[in-house]
Amino acid sequence: MVERRICSFCGKEIEPGTGRMFVKKDGTVLFFCTSKCFKNSMKLKRVPRRVRWTEQYRREKRIRTGVKEEKENKEDKKAKKPVRKKSGEKVKKKVKKAKKE
């Protein structure tokens, strides 16, 4: 079975057959999922904790703000959004018809 690797910069899982492996002179091996991660890390010398789209930034922010980790489903988020009506739009009311006996 192919071993799944994690990006050294952003923390995402790298699909087998994709990404880039970089070996430093001291023997340290770094894996990058995209050229975006490679450039931010090696060429621009950015720290993952300060780049908002990385997993390390999210982890640090949770610790800093004290927010509990809650994962919500997309369906739950859709249900929580309030329904807004456009100006001048009439709201249709559903009227239940009484059964004739």
C-alpha atoms as a PDB file:
ATOM      1  CA  MET A   1       0.000   0.000   0.000  1.00  0.00           C
ATOM      2  CA  VAL A   2       1.215   3.483  -0.824  1.00  0.00           C
ATOM      3  CA  GLU A   3       2.150   5.640   2.133  1.00  0.00           C
ATOM      4  CA  ARG A   4       0.208   8.884   2.457  1.00  0.00           C
ATOM      5  CA  ARG A   5       2.280  11.917   3.354  1.00  0.00           C
ATOM      6  CA  ILE A   6       1.485  15.257   4.963  1.00  0.00           C
ATOM      7  CA  CYS A   7       2.593  18.595   3.499  1.00  0.00           C
ATOM      8  CA  SER A   8       5.406  20.147   5.537  1.00  0.00           C
ATOM      9  CA  PHE A   9       3.950  23.638   5.076  1.00  0.00           C
ATOM     10  CA  CYS A  10       0.154  23.587   5.028  1.00  0.00           C
ATOM     11  CA  GLY A  11      -0.534  20.274   6.782  1.00  0.00           C
ATOM     12  CA  LYS A  12      -2.815  18.787   4.109  1.00  0.00           C
ATOM     13  CA  GLU A  13      -2.594  15.139   3.126  1.00  0.00           C
ATOM     14  CA  ILE A  14      -0.747  14.577  -0.157  1.00  0.00           C
ATOM     15  CA  GLU A  15      -2.268  12.186  -2.674  1.00  0.00           C
ATOM     16  CA  PRO A  16       0.079   9.429  -3.890  1.00  0.00           C
ATOM     17  CA  GLY A  17       1.849  10.365  -7.116  1.00  0.00           C
ATOM     18  CA  THR A  18       1.535  14.104  -6.557  1.00  0.00           C
ATOM     19  CA  GLY A  19       3.491  16.775  -4.727  1.00  0.00           C
ATOM     20  CA  ARG A  20       7.183  17.484  -4.369  1.00  0.00           C
ATOM     21  CA  MET A  21       9.864  16.033  -2.123  1.00  0.00           C
ATOM     22  CA  PHE A  22      12.710  18.372  -1.124  1.00  0.00           C
ATOM     23  CA  VAL A  23      15.834  17.069   0.607  1.00  0.00           C
ATOM     24  CA  LYS A  24      18.032  19.599   2.414  1.00  0.00           C
ATOM     25  CA  LYS A  25      21.819  19.289   2.632  1.00  0.00           C
ATOM     26  CA  ASP A  26      21.547  18.153   6.245  1.00  0.00           C
ATOM     27  CA  GLY A  27      19.303  15.236   5.192  1.00  0.00           C
ATOM     28  CA  THR A  28      15.978  16.683   6.292  1.00  0.00           C
ATOM     29  CA  VAL A  29      13.178  15.600   3.967  1.00  0.00           C
ATOM     30  CA  LEU A  30      10.294  18.010   3.317  1.00  0.00           C
ATOM     31  CA  PHE A  31       7.137  17.152   1.391  1.00  0.00           C
ATOM     32  CA  PHE A  32       5.019  19.785  -0.344  1.00  0.00           C
ATOM     33  CA  CYS A  33       1.557  19.257  -1.827  1.00  0.00           C
ATOM     34  CA  THR A  34       1.701  22.143  -4.345  1.00  0.00           C
ATOM     35  CA  SER A  35       4.107  24.658  -5.776  1.00  0.00           C
ATOM     36  CA  LYS A  36       2.273  27.270  -3.688  1.00  0.00           C
ATOM     37  CA  CYS A  37       3.429  25.560  -0.483  1.00  0.00           C
ATOM     38  CA  PHE A  38       6.957  25.041  -1.838  1.00  0.00           C
ATOM     39  CA  LYS A  39       7.358  28.705  -2.833  1.00  0.00           C
ATOM     40  CA  ASN A  40       5.950  30.022   0.449  1.00  0.00           C
ATOM     41  CA  SER A  41       8.270  27.827   2.463  1.00  0.00           C
ATOM     42  CA  MET A  42      11.549  27.716   0.537  1.00  0.00           C
ATOM     43  CA  LYS A  43      11.640  30.818  -1.634  1.00  0.00           C
ATOM     44  CA  LEU A  44       9.632  33.321   0.436  1.00  0.00           C
ATOM     45  CA  LYS A  45      10.789  31.855   3.806  1.00  0.00           C
ATOM     46  CA  ARG A  46       7.341  32.209   5.362  1.00  0.00           C
ATOM     47  CA  VAL A  47       6.390  30.669   8.696  1.00  0.00           C
ATOM     48  CA  PRO A  48       3.267  28.455   8.467  1.00  0.00           C
ATOM     49  CA  ARG A  49       1.917  29.833  11.762  1.00  0.00           C
ATOM     50  CA  ARG A  50       1.527  33.267  10.166  1.00  0.00           C
ATOM     51  CA  VAL A  51      -0.076  32.212   6.876  1.00  0.00           C
ATOM     52  CA  ARG A  52      -3.859  32.105   7.298  1.00  0.00           C
ATOM     53  CA  TRP A  53      -4.665  29.163   5.022  1.00  0.00           C
ATOM     54  CA  THR A  54      -2.394  26.651   6.800  1.00  0.00           C
ATOM     55  CA  GLU A  55      -3.397  24.094   9.413  1.00  0.00           C
ATOM     56  CA  GLN A  56      -0.810  25.408  11.913  1.00  0.00           C
ATOM     57  CA  TYR A  57      -2.358  28.888  11.749  1.00  0.00           C
ATOM     58  CA  ARG A  58      -5.812  27.468  12.485  1.00  0.00           C
ATOM     59  CA  ARG A  59      -4.443  25.435  15.400  1.00  0.00           C
ATOM     60  CA  GLU A  60      -2.646  28.463  16.870  1.00  0.00           C
ATOM     61  CA  LYS A  61      -5.739  30.631  16.460  1.00  0.00           C
ATOM     62  CA  ARG A  62      -7.919  28.085  18.316  1.00  0.00           C
ATOM     63  CA  ILE A  63      -5.432  28.083  21.193  1.00  0.00           C
ATOM     64  CA  ARG A  64      -5.098  31.876  21.186  1.00  0.00           C
ATOM     65  CA  THR A  65      -8.840  32.621  21.147  1.00  0.00           C
ATOM     66  CA  GLY A  66      -9.870  29.698  23.331  1.00  0.00           C
ATOM     67  CA  VAL A  67     -12.513  28.492  20.878  1.00  0.00           C
ATOM     68  CA  LYS A  68     -13.556  24.876  21.258  1.00  0.00           C
ATOM     69  CA  GLU A  69     -13.169  22.747  18.172  1.00  0.00           C
ATOM     70  CA  GLU A  70     -16.602  22.110  16.699  1.00  0.00           C
ATOM     71  CA  LYS A  71     -17.035  20.616  13.280  1.00  0.00           C
ATOM     72  CA  GLU A  72     -20.348  21.406  11.668  1.00  0.00           C
ATOM     73  CA  ASN A  73     -21.832  19.774   8.644  1.00  0.00           C
ATOM     74  CA  LYS A  74     -22.571  21.898   5.610  1.00  0.00           C
ATOM     75  CA  GLU A  75     -26.216  20.950   5.985  1.00  0.00           C
ATOM     76  CA  ASP A  76     -26.318  22.386   9.504  1.00  0.00           C
ATOM     77  CA  LYS A  77     -24.843  25.675   8.309  1.00  0.00           C
ATOM     78  CA  LYS A  78     -27.455  25.959   5.585  1.00  0.00           C
ATOM     79  CA  ALA A  79     -30.265  25.365   8.058  1.00  0.00           C
ATOM     80  CA  LYS A  80     -29.027  28.120  10.392  1.00  0.00           C
ATOM     81  CA  LYS A  81     -28.996  30.864   7.751  1.00  0.00           C
ATOM     82  CA  PRO A  82     -31.982  33.214   8.044  1.00  0.00           C
ATOM     83  CA  VAL A  83     -34.233  33.537   5.033  1.00  0.00           C
ATOM     84  CA  ARG A  84     -34.142  37.056   3.662  1.00  0.00           C
ATOM     85  CA  LYS A  85     -36.843  38.413   1.465  1.00  0.00           C
ATOM     86  CA  LYS A  86     -36.199  40.931  -1.249  1.00  0.00           C
ATOM     87  CA  SER A  87     -37.689  44.387  -0.864  1.00  0.00           C
ATOM     88  CA  GLY A  88     -41.203  44.551  -2.289  1.00  0.00           C
ATOM     89  CA  GLU A  89     -41.542  40.770  -2.370  1.00  0.00           C
ATOM     90  CA  LYS A  90     -44.718  39.315  -0.932  1.00  0.00           C
ATOM     91  CA  VAL A  91     -44.469  36.349   1.351  1.00  0.00           C
ATOM     92  CA  LYS A  92     -46.661  33.461   0.267  1.00  0.00           C
ATOM     93  CA  LYS A  93     -48.523  31.887   3.119  1.00  0.00           C
ATOM     94  CA  LYS A  94     -49.548  28.275   3.042  1.00  0.00           C
ATOM     95  CA  VAL A  95     -53.184  27.862   3.937  1.00  0.00           C
ATOM     96  CA  LYS A  96     -54.435  24.508   5.051  1.00  0.00           C
ATOM     97  CA  LYS A  97     -57.703  23.560   3.465  1.00  0.00           C
ATOM     98  CA  ALA A  98     -60.274  22.073   5.776  1.00  0.00           C
ATOM     99  CA  LYS A  99     -61.472  18.638   4.817  1.00  0.00           C
ATOM    100  CA  LYS A 100     -65.097  18.450   3.828  1.00  0.00           C
ATOM    101  CA  GLU A 101     -66.980  15.735   5.643  1.00  0.00           C
END
